[in-house]
Amino acid sequence: RPAKPESGRRAKILAVPVDKIVAEVIADPLIHLVRNAVDHGIEDAIERERSGKPARGTIRIEAVNEGSQSRVRVVDNGRGIDPQNVTEAAWELGLAERGSILDLEKTLRLIFRPGFTTASDLTELSGRGVGLDVVETAVEQVGGGLRVSSQPGEGSTFEIVLPVSFGLLDV
């Protein structure tokens, strides 16, 4: 069910033209990023209210063409990526020395490692064994990139950057 815009804000839906191949390339990575935002990013209503947020979280998909690139962002106002949580998962996987503390920049790089997860349980929504490394690899194989930014407690943004048209790359 679509979320109602927050107090006085109107939801805008704009179409951004993209090459058919670009659309096909980003379909699966985009679905994965949205599922991750729902499963890992957005807190339950009680946790959100405790932290002073509206009970209902928001996930936006933004798309824009800028010059020779298409940018598609998945933006949530959830818990963000917690460096402590990622650090503890890294300890368990032997990727960081126990007792060390990783900064946000290192944790944002670590979440793209094959097999890396902070989830204690697999879920039907995002825990199907496909991680962010697969998303990043799919995007990079077509000349694109995947960027992430996060503010703990405030949310995360995952951005897929792709060429507007693959036809131009072949010329």
Protein backbone atom coordinates (compact mmCIF):
# COMPACT_ATOMS: atom_id res chain seq x y z
CA ARG A 1 0.00 0.00 0.00
CA PRO A 2 1.53 3.35 -0.96
CA ALA A 3 2.56 5.53 1.96
CA LYS A 4 0.79 8.83 2.37
CA PRO A 5 3.09 11.82 1.90
CA GLU A 6 4.21 13.31 5.21
CA SER A 7 2.36 16.43 6.40
CA GLY A 8 1.71 18.55 3.36
CA ARG A 9 4.29 16.91 1.09
CA ARG A 10 3.07 15.60 -2.22
CA ALA A 11 4.60 12.50 -3.74
CA LYS A 12 6.06 13.21 -7.18
CA ILE A 13 6.31 10.51 -9.77
CA LEU A 14 8.42 11.46 -12.74
CA ALA A 15 9.47 9.29 -15.63
CA VAL A 16 13.15 9.22 -16.54
CA PRO A 17 13.93 7.76 -19.95
CA VAL A 18 16.62 5.08 -19.93
CA ASP A 19 17.97 2.71 -22.51
CA LYS A 20 16.12 -0.64 -22.51
CA ILE A 21 19.34 -2.49 -21.72
CA VAL A 22 20.00 -0.15 -18.77
CA ALA A 23 16.51 -0.87 -17.45
CA GLU A 24 17.08 -4.62 -17.75
CA VAL A 25 20.47 -4.38 -16.04
CA ILE A 26 19.21 -2.48 -13.02
CA ALA A 27 15.98 -4.47 -12.47
CA ASP A 28 17.40 -7.23 -10.24
CA PRO A 29 19.92 -5.03 -8.38
CA LEU A 30 17.18 -2.46 -7.76
CA ILE A 31 14.80 -5.09 -6.38
CA HIS A 32 17.57 -6.37 -4.11
CA LEU A 33 18.32 -2.87 -2.79
CA VAL A 34 14.65 -2.19 -2.07
CA ARG A 35 14.30 -5.54 -0.27
CA ASN A 36 17.39 -4.77 1.80
CA ALA A 37 15.97 -1.36 2.71
CA VAL A 38 12.75 -2.99 3.88
CA ASP A 39 14.42 -5.87 5.72
CA HIS A 40 17.58 -4.26 7.13
CA GLY A 41 16.98 -0.52 6.94
CA ILE A 42 13.49 0.28 8.15
CA GLU A 43 12.91 -0.35 11.84
CA ASP A 44 9.62 -1.67 13.22
CA ALA A 45 7.06 0.96 14.28
CA ILE A 46 7.86 0.68 18.00
CA GLU A 47 11.61 1.13 17.48
CA ARG A 48 11.00 4.08 15.14
CA GLU A 49 8.71 5.83 17.62
CA ARG A 50 11.22 5.26 20.44
CA SER A 51 13.83 7.07 18.38
CA GLY A 52 11.48 9.98 17.62
CA LYS A 53 10.63 8.97 14.06
CA PRO A 54 7.21 8.53 12.47
CA ALA A 55 5.93 4.96 12.92
CA ARG A 56 5.99 4.35 9.17
CA GLY A 57 9.34 4.36 7.40
CA THR A 58 9.94 5.73 3.92
CA ILE A 59 11.80 4.21 1.00
CA ARG A 60 12.19 6.38 -2.10
CA ILE A 61 13.43 5.38 -5.51
CA GLU A 62 14.90 8.36 -7.35
CA ALA A 63 16.05 8.31 -10.95
CA VAL A 64 17.75 11.02 -12.94
CA ASN A 65 19.76 11.33 -16.14
CA GLU A 66 22.81 13.57 -15.76
CA GLY A 67 24.87 14.02 -18.89
CA SER A 68 26.04 10.59 -19.99
CA GLN A 69 24.92 8.81 -16.81
CA SER A 70 21.72 7.48 -15.32
CA ARG A 71 21.54 7.53 -11.54
CA VAL A 72 19.04 5.44 -9.62
CA ARG A 73 18.95 5.85 -5.85
CA VAL A 74 17.23 3.81 -3.17
CA VAL A 75 16.90 6.10 -0.15
CA ASP A 76 15.47 5.06 3.21
CA ASN A 77 14.93 6.87 6.49
CA GLY A 78 15.68 3.79 8.57
CA ARG A 79 18.37 2.83 11.04
CA GLY A 80 21.31 3.42 8.73
CA ILE A 81 24.39 1.25 8.72
CA ASP A 82 25.71 0.86 12.24
CA PRO A 83 29.52 0.61 12.31
CA GLN A 84 29.39 -1.31 15.62
CA ASN A 85 26.99 -3.89 14.19
CA VAL A 86 29.16 -4.34 11.07
CA THR A 87 32.31 -4.52 13.21
CA GLU A 88 30.84 -7.29 15.36
CA ALA A 89 29.81 -9.25 12.25
CA ALA A 90 33.37 -8.78 10.91
CA TRP A 91 34.77 -10.21 14.17
CA GLU A 92 32.53 -13.27 13.84
CA LEU A 93 33.62 -13.82 10.23
CA GLY A 94 37.31 -13.31 11.07
CA LEU A 95 37.53 -10.18 8.91
CA ALA A 96 38.56 -7.86 11.73
CA GLU A 97 40.54 -8.31 14.91
CA ARG A 98 38.26 -8.81 17.91
CA GLY A 99 38.16 -5.61 19.94
CA SER A 100 38.97 -3.38 16.99
CA ILE A 101 36.45 -0.75 15.96
CA LEU A 102 35.87 -0.04 12.27
CA ASP A 103 34.90 3.46 11.18
CA LEU A 104 31.89 4.15 8.97
CA GLU A 105 33.97 4.31 5.77
CA LYS A 106 35.50 0.86 6.38
CA THR A 107 32.13 -0.63 7.29
CA LEU A 108 30.58 0.72 4.10
CA ARG A 109 33.28 -1.06 2.08
CA LEU A 110 32.97 -4.26 4.12
CA ILE A 111 29.26 -4.77 3.42
CA PHE A 112 30.14 -5.47 -0.24
CA ARG A 113 32.35 -8.47 0.58
CA PRO A 114 31.08 -11.83 -0.70
CA GLY A 115 29.32 -13.73 2.07
CA PHE A 116 29.21 -10.77 4.45
CA THR A 117 26.04 -10.29 6.47
CA THR A 118 24.97 -8.61 9.68
CA ALA A 119 21.70 -10.57 9.79
CA SER A 120 21.42 -13.14 12.55
CA ASP A 121 18.62 -14.95 10.69
CA LEU A 122 17.91 -15.46 7.01
CA THR A 123 14.58 -14.09 5.87
CA GLU A 124 12.45 -14.67 2.81
CA LEU A 125 12.70 -10.98 1.99
CA SER A 126 16.43 -10.35 1.62
CA GLY A 127 18.31 -13.32 3.08
CA ARG A 128 18.32 -15.58 0.07
CA GLY A 129 22.09 -15.85 -0.17
CA VAL A 130 22.50 -12.95 -2.60
CA GLY A 131 24.53 -10.14 -1.10
CA LEU A 132 25.51 -6.65 -2.07
CA ASP A 133 28.60 -8.07 -3.78
CA VAL A 134 26.34 -9.62 -6.43
CA VAL A 135 24.52 -6.32 -6.91
CA GLU A 136 27.81 -4.45 -7.25
CA THR A 137 29.25 -7.03 -9.68
CA ALA A 138 26.15 -6.90 -11.92
CA VAL A 139 26.33 -3.11 -12.09
CA GLU A 140 30.10 -3.04 -12.71
CA GLN A 141 29.86 -5.62 -15.51
CA VAL A 142 28.01 -3.08 -17.61
CA GLY A 143 30.35 -0.20 -16.87
CA GLY A 144 28.46 1.20 -13.89
CA GLY A 145 29.13 1.69 -10.23
CA LEU A 146 27.36 1.30 -6.91
CA ARG A 147 27.79 3.91 -4.19
CA VAL A 148 26.51 3.95 -0.65
CA SER A 149 26.20 6.59 2.02
CA SER A 150 24.68 6.17 5.44
CA GLN A 151 24.00 8.10 8.58
CA PRO A 152 23.52 5.80 11.58
CA GLY A 153 20.06 6.31 13.01
CA GLU A 154 18.91 8.37 10.02
CA GLY A 155 19.02 6.12 6.95
CA SER A 156 20.98 5.02 3.92
CA THR A 157 21.29 5.81 0.23
CA PHE A 158 22.39 3.27 -2.36
CA GLU A 159 23.07 4.75 -5.78
CA ILE A 160 23.45 2.85 -9.03
CA VAL A 161 25.33 4.87 -11.66
CA LEU A 162 25.10 3.61 -15.25
CA PRO A 163 25.71 4.94 -18.76
CA VAL A 164 22.50 6.45 -20.20
CA SER A 165 22.82 4.40 -23.37
CA PHE A 166 24.92 1.34 -24.02
CA GLY A 167 24.55 2.04 -27.74
CA LEU A 168 26.87 5.00 -27.34
CA LEU A 169 29.49 2.80 -25.72
CA ASP A 170 29.65 0.51 -28.76
CA VAL A 171 30.40 3.34 -31.22
